C-alpha atoms as a PDB file:
ATOM      1  CA  MET A   1      58.818 -76.184  16.334  1.00  0.00           C
ATOM      2  CA  ILE A   2      57.090 -75.866  12.981  1.00  0.00           C
ATOM      3  CA  GLU A   3      59.398 -74.758  10.177  1.00  0.00           C
ATOM      4  CA  PRO A   4      57.658 -72.894   7.359  1.00  0.00           C
ATOM      5  CA  LYS A   5      57.885 -74.650   4.023  1.00  0.00           C
ATOM      6  CA  VAL A   6      59.451 -72.607   1.258  1.00  0.00           C
ATOM      7  CA  HIS A   7      58.743 -73.507  -2.334  1.00  0.00           C
ATOM      8  CA  ILE A   8      61.847 -73.662  -4.516  1.00  0.00           C
ATOM      9  CA  THR A   9      60.543 -70.846  -6.734  1.00  0.00           C
ATOM     10  CA  GLN A  10      60.504 -68.524  -3.718  1.00  0.00           C
ATOM     11  CA  ARG A  11      64.241 -68.716  -3.221  1.00  0.00           C
ATOM     12  CA  VAL A  12      66.075 -65.578  -4.252  1.00  0.00           C
ATOM     13  CA  LEU A  13      69.372 -65.839  -6.097  1.00  0.00           C
ATOM     14  CA  ARG A  14      71.631 -63.115  -4.798  1.00  0.00           C
ATOM     15  CA  ALA A  15      74.837 -61.912  -6.415  1.00  0.00           C
ATOM     16  CA  PRO A  16      77.970 -62.928  -4.481  1.00  0.00           C
ATOM     17  CA  ARG A  17      79.667 -60.116  -2.629  1.00  0.00           C
ATOM     18  CA  THR A  18      82.824 -60.517  -4.660  1.00  0.00           C
ATOM     19  CA  ALA A  19      80.814 -59.877  -7.863  1.00  0.00           C
ATOM     20  CA  ALA A  20      81.664 -56.191  -7.450  1.00  0.00           C
ATOM     21  CA  THR A  21      85.174 -57.105  -8.576  1.00  0.00           C
ATOM     22  CA  ALA A  22      83.709 -57.333 -12.107  1.00  0.00           C
ATOM     23  CA  GLY A  23      83.612 -53.531 -12.282  1.00  0.00           C
ATOM     24  CA  ILE A  24      87.213 -53.397 -11.094  1.00  0.00           C
ATOM     25  CA  ILE A  25      88.213 -55.857 -13.807  1.00  0.00           C
ATOM     26  CA  PHE A  26      86.343 -53.805 -16.409  1.00  0.00           C
ATOM     27  CA  GLY A  27      88.003 -50.579 -15.308  1.00  0.00           C
ATOM     28  CA  LEU A  28      91.476 -52.100 -15.430  1.00  0.00           C
ATOM     29  CA  LEU A  29      91.038 -53.922 -18.754  1.00  0.00           C
ATOM     30  CA  MET A  30      89.254 -51.083 -20.543  1.00  0.00           C
ATOM     31  CA  GLY A  31      91.672 -48.510 -19.152  1.00  0.00           C
ATOM     32  CA  ALA A  32      94.679 -50.580 -20.203  1.00  0.00           C
ATOM     33  CA  SER A  33      93.229 -51.116 -23.679  1.00  0.00           C
ATOM     34  CA  LEU A  34      92.502 -47.405 -24.200  1.00  0.00           C
ATOM     35  CA  ILE A  35      95.950 -46.352 -22.991  1.00  0.00           C
ATOM     36  CA  MET A  36      97.676 -48.903 -25.236  1.00  0.00           C
ATOM     37  CA  MET A  37      95.628 -47.739 -28.210  1.00  0.00           C
ATOM     38  CA  GLU A  38      96.345 -44.092 -27.493  1.00  0.00           C
ATOM     39  CA  GLN A  39     100.081 -44.669 -27.160  1.00  0.00           C
ATOM     40  CA  SER A  40     100.261 -46.859 -30.270  1.00  0.00           C
ATOM     41  CA  VAL A  41      97.980 -44.949 -32.637  1.00  0.00           C
ATOM     42  CA  PRO A  42      98.011 -41.215 -31.786  1.00  0.00           C
ATOM     43  CA  PRO A  43      95.430 -39.054 -33.634  1.00  0.00           C
ATOM     44  CA  GLU A  44      98.142 -37.217 -35.553  1.00  0.00           C
ATOM     45  CA  THR A  45      99.051 -40.478 -37.351  1.00  0.00           C
ATOM     46  CA  MET A  46      95.698 -40.664 -39.103  1.00  0.00           C
ATOM     47  CA  ASP A  47      97.375 -40.393 -42.516  1.00  0.00           C
ATOM     48  CA  SER A  48     100.502 -42.345 -41.551  1.00  0.00           C
ATOM     49  CA  THR A  49     101.210 -46.082 -41.655  1.00  0.00           C
ATOM     50  CA  GLU A  50     104.501 -46.109 -39.748  1.00  0.00           C
ATOM     51  CA  TRP A  51     102.880 -47.441 -36.590  1.00  0.00           C
ATOM     52  CA  LEU A  52     101.650 -50.545 -38.428  1.00  0.00           C
ATOM     53  CA  GLU A  53     105.127 -52.036 -38.644  1.00  0.00           C
ATOM     54  CA  GLN A  54     106.239 -50.961 -35.188  1.00  0.00           C
ATOM     55  CA  ARG A  55     103.177 -51.217 -32.930  1.00  0.00           C
ATOM     56  CA  SER A  56     100.456 -53.220 -34.664  1.00  0.00           C
ATOM     57  CA  HIS A  57     101.059 -56.133 -32.254  1.00  0.00           C
ATOM     58  CA  ILE A  58     100.393 -53.824 -29.291  1.00  0.00           C
ATOM     59  CA  VAL A  59      97.139 -52.681 -30.884  1.00  0.00           C
ATOM     60  CA  ASN A  60      96.156 -56.325 -31.382  1.00  0.00           C
ATOM     61  CA  ILE A  61      96.709 -56.987 -27.674  1.00  0.00           C
ATOM     62  CA  ALA A  62      94.674 -53.900 -26.754  1.00  0.00           C
ATOM     63  CA  LEU A  63      91.798 -55.018 -28.982  1.00  0.00           C
ATOM     64  CA  SER A  64      91.897 -58.545 -27.569  1.00  0.00           C
ATOM     65  CA  LEU A  65      91.291 -57.147 -24.058  1.00  0.00           C
ATOM     66  CA  LEU A  66      88.008 -55.485 -25.012  1.00  0.00           C
ATOM     67  CA  PRO A  67      85.796 -58.617 -25.149  1.00  0.00           C
ATOM     68  CA  PHE A  68      86.826 -59.550 -21.620  1.00  0.00           C
ATOM     69  CA  ALA A  69      86.233 -55.968 -20.476  1.00  0.00           C
ATOM     70  CA  GLY A  70      82.769 -56.164 -22.016  1.00  0.00           C
ATOM     71  CA  ILE A  71      81.955 -59.372 -20.147  1.00  0.00           C
ATOM     72  CA  ALA A  72      83.077 -57.766 -16.896  1.00  0.00           C
ATOM     73  CA  PHE A  73      80.917 -54.706 -17.645  1.00  0.00           C
ATOM     74  CA  LEU A  74      77.817 -56.895 -17.970  1.00  0.00           C
ATOM     75  CA  TRP A  75      78.593 -58.334 -14.536  1.00  0.00           C
ATOM     76  CA  PHE A  76      78.988 -54.793 -13.203  1.00  0.00           C
ATOM     77  CA  MET A  77      75.522 -53.903 -14.487  1.00  0.00           C
ATOM     78  CA  GLY A  78      74.184 -56.976 -12.712  1.00  0.00           C
ATOM     79  CA  VAL A  79      75.855 -55.918  -9.461  1.00  0.00           C
ATOM     80  CA  VAL A  80      74.329 -52.428  -9.672  1.00  0.00           C
ATOM     81  CA  ARG A  81      70.876 -53.882 -10.291  1.00  0.00           C
ATOM     82  CA  ASP A  82      71.312 -56.368  -7.430  1.00  0.00           C
ATOM     83  CA  ARG A  83      72.178 -53.524  -5.074  1.00  0.00           C
ATOM     84  CA  LEU A  84      69.000 -51.655  -6.013  1.00  0.00           C
ATOM     85  CA  GLY A  85      66.908 -54.750  -5.285  1.00  0.00           C
ATOM     86  CA  TYR A  86      63.174 -54.146  -4.972  1.00  0.00           C
ATOM     87  CA  LEU A  87      63.752 -50.364  -5.251  1.00  0.00           C
ATOM     88  CA  GLU A  88      64.504 -50.730  -8.953  1.00  0.00           C
ATOM     89  CA  ASP A  89      62.348 -48.525 -11.167  1.00  0.00           C
ATOM     90  CA  GLN A  90      61.259 -49.843 -14.572  1.00  0.00           C
ATOM     91  CA  PHE A  91      61.605 -46.495 -16.347  1.00  0.00           C
ATOM     92  CA  PHE A  92      65.137 -45.787 -15.156  1.00  0.00           C
ATOM     93  CA  SER A  93      66.113 -49.447 -15.506  1.00  0.00           C
ATOM     94  CA  THR A  94      65.227 -49.268 -19.201  1.00  0.00           C
ATOM     95  CA  LEU A  95      67.497 -46.256 -19.633  1.00  0.00           C
ATOM     96  CA  PHE A  96      70.181 -47.950 -17.540  1.00  0.00           C
ATOM     97  CA  PHE A  97      70.194 -51.114 -19.657  1.00  0.00           C
ATOM     98  CA  GLY A  98      69.823 -49.262 -22.949  1.00  0.00           C
ATOM     99  CA  SER A  99      72.708 -46.835 -22.418  1.00  0.00           C
ATOM    100  CA  GLY A 100      74.980 -49.533 -20.996  1.00  0.00           C
ATOM    101  CA  LEU A 101      74.349 -51.995 -23.814  1.00  0.00           C
ATOM    102  CA  LEU A 102      74.714 -49.302 -26.489  1.00  0.00           C
ATOM    103  CA  TYR A 103      78.034 -48.233 -24.980  1.00  0.00           C
ATOM    104  CA  LEU A 104      79.200 -51.831 -25.033  1.00  0.00           C
ATOM    105  CA  ALA A 105      77.919 -52.469 -28.563  1.00  0.00           C
ATOM    106  CA  MET A 106      79.673 -49.424 -30.017  1.00  0.00           C
ATOM    107  CA  SER A 107      82.908 -50.264 -28.216  1.00  0.00           C
ATOM    108  CA  PHE A 108      82.738 -53.774 -29.647  1.00  0.00           C
ATOM    109  CA  ALA A 109      81.960 -52.443 -33.120  1.00  0.00           C
ATOM    110  CA  ALA A 110      84.945 -50.087 -33.012  1.00  0.00           C
ATOM    111  CA  SER A 111      87.278 -52.864 -31.849  1.00  0.00           C
ATOM    112  CA  ALA A 112      85.953 -55.235 -34.533  1.00  0.00           C
ATOM    113  CA  ILE A 113      86.651 -52.642 -37.241  1.00  0.00           C
ATOM    114  CA  GLY A 114      90.182 -52.157 -35.923  1.00  0.00           C
ATOM    115  CA  ALA A 115      90.840 -55.888 -35.673  1.00  0.00           C
ATOM    116  CA  GLY A 116      89.506 -56.404 -39.197  1.00  0.00           C
ATOM    117  CA  ALA A 117      91.767 -53.692 -40.576  1.00  0.00           C
ATOM    118  CA  LEU A 118      94.803 -55.268 -38.909  1.00  0.00           C
ATOM    119  CA  ALA A 119      93.836 -58.667 -40.287  1.00  0.00           C
ATOM    120  CA  VAL A 120      93.720 -57.234 -43.817  1.00  0.00           C
ATOM    121  CA  TYR A 121      97.129 -55.639 -43.260  1.00  0.00           C
ATOM    122  CA  ALA A 122      98.611 -58.946 -42.090  1.00  0.00           C
ATOM    123  CA  PHE A 123      97.211 -60.717 -45.169  1.00  0.00           C
ATOM    124  CA  SER A 124      98.346 -58.164 -47.763  1.00  0.00           C
ATOM    125  CA  PRO A 125     100.446 -55.289 -46.341  1.00  0.00           C
ATOM    126  CA  SER A 126     101.255 -53.542 -49.614  1.00  0.00           C
ATOM    127  CA  THR A 127      97.671 -53.529 -50.870  1.00  0.00           C
ATOM    128  CA  PHE A 128      96.393 -52.338 -47.518  1.00  0.00           C
ATOM    129  CA  VAL A 129      98.876 -49.454 -47.256  1.00  0.00           C
ATOM    130  CA  ASP A 130      98.136 -48.249 -50.802  1.00  0.00           C
ATOM    131  CA  SER A 131      94.392 -48.191 -50.197  1.00  0.00           C
ATOM    132  CA  ASN A 132      92.333 -45.815 -48.065  1.00  0.00           C
ATOM    133  CA  VAL A 133      91.050 -48.599 -45.815  1.00  0.00           C
ATOM    134  CA  LEU A 134      93.307 -47.573 -42.927  1.00  0.00           C
ATOM    135  CA  ILE A 135      92.158 -43.942 -42.894  1.00  0.00           C
ATOM    136  CA  TYR A 136      88.524 -44.978 -43.221  1.00  0.00           C
ATOM    137  CA  SER A 137      88.806 -47.574 -40.443  1.00  0.00           C
ATOM    138  CA  GLN A 138      90.552 -45.175 -38.074  1.00  0.00           C
ATOM    139  CA  ALA A 139      87.978 -42.453 -38.693  1.00  0.00           C
ATOM    140  CA  ILE A 140      85.077 -44.804 -37.907  1.00  0.00           C
ATOM    141  CA  MET A 141      86.816 -46.129 -34.790  1.00  0.00           C
ATOM    142  CA  TYR A 142      87.427 -42.633 -33.438  1.00  0.00           C
ATOM    143  CA  LYS A 143      83.823 -41.597 -34.079  1.00  0.00           C
ATOM    144  CA  LEU A 144      82.387 -44.703 -32.432  1.00  0.00           C
ATOM    145  CA  ASN A 145      84.677 -44.632 -29.413  1.00  0.00           C
ATOM    146  CA  ASN A 146      85.098 -40.932 -28.805  1.00  0.00           C
ATOM    147  CA  VAL A 147      81.700 -39.558 -29.791  1.00  0.00           C
ATOM    148  CA  TYR A 148      78.862 -42.055 -29.681  1.00  0.00           C
ATOM    149  CA  ALA A 149      80.164 -44.477 -27.038  1.00  0.00           C
ATOM    150  CA  LEU A 150      81.194 -41.589 -24.767  1.00  0.00           C
ATOM    151  CA  LYS A 151      77.740 -40.014 -25.012  1.00  0.00           C
ATOM    152  CA  MET A 152      76.131 -43.306 -24.014  1.00  0.00           C
ATOM    153  CA  ALA A 153      78.587 -43.602 -21.128  1.00  0.00           C
ATOM    154  CA  GLY A 154      77.560 -40.127 -19.960  1.00  0.00           C
ATOM    155  CA  MET A 155      73.895 -41.092 -20.213  1.00  0.00           C
ATOM    156  CA  HIS A 156      74.617 -44.251 -18.207  1.00  0.00           C
ATOM    157  CA  MET A 157      76.222 -42.214 -15.442  1.00  0.00           C
ATOM    158  CA  ILE A 158      73.347 -39.717 -15.282  1.00  0.00           C
ATOM    159  CA  VAL A 159      70.759 -42.487 -15.037  1.00  0.00           C
ATOM    160  CA  LEU A 160      72.659 -44.276 -12.277  1.00  0.00           C
ATOM    161  CA  GLY A 161      73.211 -41.027 -10.398  1.00  0.00           C
ATOM    162  CA  THR A 162      69.475 -40.330 -10.542  1.00  0.00           C
ATOM    163  CA  MET A 163      68.610 -43.842  -9.377  1.00  0.00           C
ATOM    164  CA  TRP A 164      71.042 -43.549  -6.475  1.00  0.00           C
ATOM    165  CA  ILE A 165      69.592 -40.208  -5.366  1.00  0.00           C
ATOM    166  CA  ARG A 166      66.024 -41.514  -5.545  1.00  0.00           C
ATOM    167  CA  THR A 167      66.737 -44.794  -3.736  1.00  0.00           C
ATOM    168  CA  LYS A 168      69.568 -43.591  -1.457  1.00  0.00           C
ATOM    169  CA  VAL A 169      71.437 -46.872  -1.884  1.00  0.00           C
ATOM    170  CA  MET A 170      74.636 -44.885  -2.562  1.00  0.00           C
ATOM    171  CA  PRO A 171      75.899 -41.637  -0.992  1.00  0.00           C
ATOM    172  CA  ARG A 172      74.635 -38.409  -2.523  1.00  0.00           C
ATOM    173  CA  TRP A 173      78.168 -37.150  -3.187  1.00  0.00           C
ATOM    174  CA  ILE A 174      78.856 -40.100  -5.481  1.00  0.00           C
ATOM    175  CA  ALA A 175      75.733 -39.281  -7.499  1.00  0.00           C
ATOM    176  CA  LEU A 176      76.736 -35.605  -7.774  1.00  0.00           C
ATOM    177  CA  ILE A 177      80.238 -36.527  -8.957  1.00  0.00           C
ATOM    178  CA  SER A 178      78.649 -38.878 -11.488  1.00  0.00           C
ATOM    179  CA  TYR A 179      76.529 -35.991 -12.796  1.00  0.00           C
ATOM    180  CA  ALA A 180      79.552 -33.720 -13.159  1.00  0.00           C
ATOM    181  CA  LEU A 181      81.627 -36.320 -15.031  1.00  0.00           C
ATOM    182  CA  ALA A 182      78.660 -37.249 -17.213  1.00  0.00           C
ATOM    183  CA  LEU A 183      78.219 -33.623 -18.306  1.00  0.00           C
ATOM    184  CA  VAL A 184      81.870 -33.546 -19.343  1.00  0.00           C
ATOM    185  CA  LEU A 185      81.358 -36.614 -21.540  1.00  0.00           C
ATOM    186  CA  LEU A 186      78.076 -35.380 -23.000  1.00  0.00           C
ATOM    187  CA  PHE A 187      79.197 -31.892 -23.945  1.00  0.00           C
ATOM    188  CA  ALA A 188      82.891 -32.420 -24.692  1.00  0.00           C
ATOM    189  CA  VAL A 189      83.796 -31.101 -28.140  1.00  0.00           C
ATOM    190  CA  GLY A 190      86.677 -32.550 -30.136  1.00  0.00           C
ATOM    191  CA  TYR A 191      88.949 -35.444 -29.346  1.00  0.00           C
ATOM    192  CA  ILE A 192      90.586 -35.380 -25.917  1.00  0.00           C
ATOM    193  CA  PRO A 193      92.232 -38.777 -25.246  1.00  0.00           C
ATOM    194  CA  ARG A 194      92.014 -38.588 -21.457  1.00  0.00           C
ATOM    195  CA  PHE A 195      88.228 -38.180 -21.601  1.00  0.00           C
ATOM    196  CA  THR A 196      87.866 -41.773 -22.796  1.00  0.00           C
ATOM    197  CA  LEU A 197      89.320 -42.914 -19.466  1.00  0.00           C
ATOM    198  CA  ILE A 198      86.681 -41.129 -17.376  1.00  0.00           C
ATOM    199  CA  PHE A 199      84.085 -43.888 -17.661  1.00  0.00           C
ATOM    200  CA  PRO A 200      86.372 -46.878 -16.892  1.00  0.00           C
ATOM    201  CA  VAL A 201      87.878 -45.038 -13.917  1.00  0.00           C
ATOM    202  CA  TRP A 202      84.389 -44.125 -12.676  1.00  0.00           C
ATOM    203  CA  VAL A 203      83.248 -47.763 -12.876  1.00  0.00           C
ATOM    204  CA  LEU A 204      86.442 -48.809 -11.078  1.00  0.00           C
ATOM    205  CA  VAL A 205      85.867 -46.385  -8.193  1.00  0.00           C
ATOM    206  CA  ILE A 206      82.163 -47.272  -7.876  1.00  0.00           C
ATOM    207  CA  SER A 207      82.993 -50.988  -7.810  1.00  0.00           C
ATOM    208  CA  ILE A 208      85.649 -50.542  -5.139  1.00  0.00           C
ATOM    209  CA  TYR A 209      83.157 -48.615  -3.009  1.00  0.00           C
ATOM    210  CA  ILE A 210      80.453 -51.273  -3.462  1.00  0.00           C
ATOM    211  CA  LEU A 211      82.950 -53.993  -2.565  1.00  0.00           C
ATOM    212  CA  TYR A 212      83.916 -52.020   0.540  1.00  0.00           C
ATOM    213  CA  LEU A 213      80.267 -51.723   1.581  1.00  0.00           C
ATOM    214  CA  ASN A 214      79.637 -55.409   0.949  1.00  0.00           C
ATOM    215  CA  PHE A 215      82.440 -56.503   3.223  1.00  0.00           C
ATOM    216  CA  ARG A 216      81.765 -53.952   5.922  1.00  0.00           C
ATOM    217  CA  PHE A 217      78.044 -54.334   6.355  1.00  0.00           C
ATOM    218  CA  GLN A 218      76.045 -57.507   6.616  1.00  0.00           C
ATOM    219  CA  LYS A 219      72.942 -57.677   4.458  1.00  0.00           C
ATOM    220  CA  ILE A 220      69.673 -58.110   6.334  1.00  0.00           C
ATOM    221  CA  GLU A 221      68.114 -61.256   4.940  1.00  0.00           C
ATOM    222  CA  ILE A 222      64.313 -61.231   4.697  1.00  0.00           C
ATOM    223  CA  PRO A 223      62.740 -64.639   5.490  1.00  0.00           C
ATOM    224  CA  GLN A 224      61.311 -66.274   2.391  1.00  0.00           C
ATOM    225  CA  ASP A 225      57.890 -66.698   4.051  1.00  0.00           C
ATOM    226  CA  GLY A 226      57.595 -62.918   4.389  1.00  0.00           C
ATOM    227  CA  LEU A 227      57.584 -63.023   8.212  1.00  0.00           C
ATOM    228  CA  THR A 228      60.030 -61.383  10.541  1.00  0.00           C
ATOM    229  CA  PRO A 229      61.916 -63.650  12.984  1.00  0.00           C
ATOM    230  CA  GLU A 230      59.540 -62.542  15.755  1.00  0.00           C
ATOM    231  CA  GLU A 231      56.525 -63.565  13.658  1.00  0.00           C
ATOM    232  CA  THR A 232      57.811 -67.018  12.767  1.00  0.00           C
ATOM    233  CA  PRO A 233      55.317 -69.581  14.155  1.00  0.00           C
ATOM    234  CA  ALA A 234      56.633 -71.773  16.973  1.00  0.00           C
END
């Protein structure tokens, strides 16, 4: 029997099935970080410094979770792209990558501002409290997280929902739910703390569903020589 020779460059690197757990990790870490931040620094304390003495260590822990959540989110984006496979569209992929990376960048920027402010407070508490650095830092963090990052998250969900409807790699009802949640994020006015949890929870649910599909159904592997098993030369 003659076995077709496959050049090493023809081998396809596929994401492991358990890679979908990256989205679960992101959802849990980002959700935990947002909840800890919300409980430690409520919006009504914008002009207060009482929380610095009592809960600044909790905020530090919440901010330290964000880099790991960001790494997991990049893996999640890879899993979504792997599931699309050859059906991936360049136009929508550009929007998918752009909105996802902008969301991540603004989340990182907000956390860096918060961590920097806490570092200044630890170095010189009295000077920090007497200045307006705290109010300024909090205002920028809230704008980045709750306005700009949320809009990019909504855009990310709309793009993925559209890609799923066009390619049918995910159920239509998931795409429609993604549209509805995305509209909430895009057109929400004012600061509503629970809205920041919509995106992490959405990623968590999508990842659990992808993981379920991966373990339930076997992927059909296409021979590297482009022939079906019946066409393989004997």
